[in-house]
């Protein structure tokens, strides 16, 4: 391969990053539209976020989550149930959107520290999910239940975490399997 051709391929890294970020922002938005209504709705957002992080990487995945959040804040209906705007972010489930950002940051740090191995990917996604749960649950208790007490947190855990553990573990495993499948494809 000539040097000119090699530089051209290397120069496309920014383009590749932009395409991945755009693609995964759209995937997260579409995943948020698939909603089962509940006080904390069931969506596929976490699957989209897990895939963005695992496939696009910590940096690009974090930018994806930030872009998705900004789109929702400025009024593009990308949040669950076709909602958007600051009011949604300040509502009872807004802590999960903040949690998505923290999840991405945790993933980025873990995979950076542990050299982006499969174990780091699984650990980063798991710790990120726990961070999202904590942020969303505390927010829900404060905004929806009006207090952060042992009783409120206990109630919030029943609503905000218990029903989601198994589905979110399945989504995490699915994202890792998608990553492994994509890594096995020879371009």
Protein backbone atom coordinates (compact mmCIF):
# COMPACT_ATOMS: atom_id res chain seq x y z
CA UNK A 1 0.00 0.00 0.00
CA UNK A 2 1.41 3.41 -0.89
CA UNK A 3 2.05 6.03 1.79
CA UNK A 4 -0.59 8.31 0.28
CA UNK A 5 -3.24 5.60 0.47
CA UNK A 6 -2.22 4.72 4.03
CA UNK A 7 -2.50 8.35 5.16
CA UNK A 8 -5.91 8.62 3.55
CA UNK A 9 -7.18 5.62 5.51
CA UNK A 10 -5.69 6.92 8.75
CA UNK A 11 -7.14 10.37 8.03
CA UNK A 12 -10.63 8.87 7.93
CA UNK A 13 -10.54 8.20 11.69
CA UNK A 14 -12.40 11.44 12.38
CA UNK A 15 -14.95 10.58 9.74
CA UNK A 16 -15.35 7.10 11.21
CA UNK A 17 -15.80 8.60 14.70
CA UNK A 18 -18.40 11.08 13.40
CA UNK A 19 -20.30 8.29 11.65
CA UNK A 20 -20.25 6.07 14.76
CA UNK A 21 -21.39 8.91 17.01
CA UNK A 22 -24.20 9.87 14.61
CA UNK A 23 -25.27 6.26 14.10
CA UNK A 24 -25.34 5.44 17.80
CA UNK A 25 -27.10 8.69 18.69
CA UNK A 26 -29.84 7.66 16.28
CA UNK A 27 -29.87 4.10 17.69
CA UNK A 28 -30.22 5.36 21.28
CA UNK A 29 -33.04 7.70 20.18
CA UNK A 30 -34.87 4.87 18.39
CA UNK A 31 -34.35 2.57 21.37
CA UNK A 32 -35.93 5.18 23.65
CA UNK A 33 -39.06 5.15 21.50
CA UNK A 34 -39.65 1.49 22.30
CA UNK A 35 -41.38 2.10 25.62
CA UNK A 36 -43.64 0.20 27.99
CA UNK A 37 -45.28 2.86 30.18
CA UNK A 38 -44.72 2.63 33.95
CA UNK A 39 -43.71 5.10 36.68
CA UNK A 40 -40.19 4.39 35.40
CA UNK A 41 -40.85 3.25 31.82
CA UNK A 42 -39.25 0.17 30.32
CA UNK A 43 -37.24 1.16 27.24
CA UNK A 44 -34.38 -0.13 25.17
CA UNK A 45 -32.30 3.02 25.86
CA UNK A 46 -29.80 1.11 27.94
CA UNK A 47 -29.28 -1.38 25.11
CA UNK A 48 -28.52 1.48 22.72
CA UNK A 49 -26.18 3.08 25.24
CA UNK A 50 -24.42 -0.21 26.02
CA UNK A 51 -23.91 -0.84 22.30
CA UNK A 52 -22.66 2.71 21.72
CA UNK A 53 -20.12 2.35 24.51
CA UNK A 54 -18.98 -1.18 23.68
CA UNK A 55 -18.78 -0.74 19.90
CA UNK A 56 -17.85 2.93 19.49
CA UNK A 57 -15.64 3.06 22.60
CA UNK A 58 -15.62 5.14 25.76
CA UNK A 59 -14.89 8.50 24.16
CA UNK A 60 -17.26 8.17 21.21
CA UNK A 61 -19.90 6.48 23.35
CA UNK A 62 -19.77 9.32 25.87
CA UNK A 63 -20.08 11.89 23.09
CA UNK A 64 -23.04 9.88 21.77
CA UNK A 65 -24.83 10.03 25.13
CA UNK A 66 -24.09 13.75 25.49
CA UNK A 67 -25.38 14.44 21.96
CA UNK A 68 -28.52 12.38 22.62
CA UNK A 69 -29.11 14.35 25.84
CA UNK A 70 -28.54 17.71 24.14
CA UNK A 71 -30.96 16.78 21.36
CA UNK A 72 -33.61 15.97 23.94
CA UNK A 73 -32.95 19.14 25.92
CA UNK A 74 -33.36 21.39 22.87
CA UNK A 75 -36.71 19.84 22.05
CA UNK A 76 -36.07 16.92 19.72
CA UNK A 77 -38.40 14.17 21.01
CA UNK A 78 -35.76 11.54 21.70
CA UNK A 79 -36.52 10.76 25.33
CA UNK A 80 -38.86 7.92 26.31
CA UNK A 81 -42.39 8.28 25.05
CA UNK A 82 -41.39 10.88 22.43
CA UNK A 83 -40.75 13.46 25.13
CA UNK A 84 -38.18 16.24 25.13
CA UNK A 85 -37.13 19.43 26.81
CA UNK A 86 -35.79 20.52 30.18
CA UNK A 87 -39.09 19.65 31.88
CA UNK A 88 -38.51 15.97 31.11
CA UNK A 89 -34.99 16.15 32.49
CA UNK A 90 -36.28 17.79 35.67
CA UNK A 91 -39.08 15.23 36.04
CA UNK A 92 -39.16 12.06 38.10
CA UNK A 93 -37.09 10.02 35.63
CA UNK A 94 -34.65 12.75 34.59
CA UNK A 95 -32.04 11.27 36.90
CA UNK A 96 -31.71 8.35 34.53
CA UNK A 97 -30.68 10.64 31.69
CA UNK A 98 -28.03 12.15 33.98
CA UNK A 99 -27.23 8.54 34.93
CA UNK A 100 -26.68 7.65 31.26
CA UNK A 101 -24.01 10.36 31.06
CA UNK A 102 -22.37 9.11 34.27
CA UNK A 103 -22.61 5.53 33.01
CA UNK A 104 -20.73 6.53 29.87
CA UNK A 105 -18.06 8.37 31.85
CA UNK A 106 -17.58 5.39 34.20
CA UNK A 107 -17.29 3.06 31.21
CA UNK A 108 -14.73 5.34 29.56
CA UNK A 109 -12.58 5.49 32.70
CA UNK A 110 -12.73 1.73 33.37
CA UNK A 111 -11.88 0.75 29.80
CA UNK A 112 -9.10 3.34 29.65
CA UNK A 113 -7.57 2.09 32.91
CA UNK A 114 -7.83 -1.57 31.98
CA UNK A 115 -6.84 -1.31 28.33
CA UNK A 116 -10.21 -1.93 26.72
CA UNK A 117 -10.27 -5.70 27.28
CA UNK A 118 -13.45 -7.77 27.24
CA UNK A 119 -13.29 -7.94 31.04
CA UNK A 120 -12.97 -4.13 31.17
CA UNK A 121 -15.92 -3.77 28.79
CA UNK A 122 -18.14 -5.96 30.95
CA UNK A 123 -16.92 -4.31 34.16
CA UNK A 124 -17.32 -0.81 32.73
CA UNK A 125 -20.85 -1.49 31.52
CA UNK A 126 -21.79 -3.11 34.86
CA UNK A 127 -20.35 -0.29 36.98
CA UNK A 128 -21.91 2.24 34.63
CA UNK A 129 -25.30 0.58 35.02
CA UNK A 130 -24.98 0.62 38.81
CA UNK A 131 -24.09 4.33 38.62
CA UNK A 132 -27.15 4.95 36.45
CA UNK A 133 -29.35 3.04 38.89
CA UNK A 134 -28.01 5.04 41.84
CA UNK A 135 -28.44 8.40 40.11
CA UNK A 136 -31.90 7.62 38.76
CA UNK A 137 -33.15 6.13 42.03
CA UNK A 138 -31.92 9.02 44.17
CA UNK A 139 -33.42 11.50 41.70
CA UNK A 140 -36.74 9.62 41.61
CA UNK A 141 -36.92 9.55 45.42
CA UNK A 142 -36.17 13.27 45.66
CA UNK A 143 -38.43 14.47 42.83
CA UNK A 144 -41.30 11.97 42.74
CA UNK A 145 -41.44 10.87 46.36
CA UNK A 146 -40.33 14.24 47.69
CA UNK A 147 -37.65 13.00 50.07
CA UNK A 148 -34.48 11.00 50.37
CA UNK A 149 -35.10 8.84 53.42
CA UNK A 150 -34.66 5.15 54.10
CA UNK A 151 -38.37 4.59 53.45
CA UNK A 152 -38.36 6.64 50.23
CA UNK A 153 -35.22 4.93 48.96
CA UNK A 154 -36.66 1.52 49.76
CA UNK A 155 -39.81 2.38 47.79
CA UNK A 156 -37.76 3.83 44.96
CA UNK A 157 -35.57 0.73 44.72
CA UNK A 158 -38.69 -1.42 44.34
CA UNK A 159 -39.92 0.77 41.47
CA UNK A 160 -36.64 1.90 39.91
CA UNK A 161 -34.25 -1.02 40.15
CA UNK A 162 -35.92 -4.35 40.96
CA UNK A 163 -37.97 -4.67 37.75
CA UNK A 164 -35.03 -3.65 35.58
CA UNK A 165 -32.19 -5.85 36.83
CA UNK A 166 -32.83 -8.92 34.67
CA UNK A 167 -33.78 -6.99 31.50
CA UNK A 168 -30.71 -4.77 31.89
CA UNK A 169 -28.41 -7.75 32.40
CA UNK A 170 -29.85 -9.25 29.21
CA UNK A 171 -29.24 -5.93 27.38
CA UNK A 172 -25.67 -5.82 28.69
CA UNK A 173 -25.01 -9.38 27.50
CA UNK A 174 -26.60 -8.55 24.13
CA UNK A 175 -24.31 -5.53 23.71
CA UNK A 176 -21.23 -7.64 24.51
CA UNK A 177 -22.37 -10.32 22.05
CA UNK A 178 -22.93 -7.67 19.35
CA UNK A 179 -19.44 -6.32 20.03
CA UNK A 180 -17.91 -9.82 19.77
CA UNK A 181 -19.80 -10.49 16.52
CA UNK A 182 -18.64 -7.19 15.00
CA UNK A 183 -15.04 -7.89 16.08
CA UNK A 184 -15.16 -11.26 14.31
CA UNK A 185 -16.16 -9.75 10.96
CA UNK A 186 -13.24 -9.46 8.58
CA UNK A 187 -13.39 -6.22 6.57
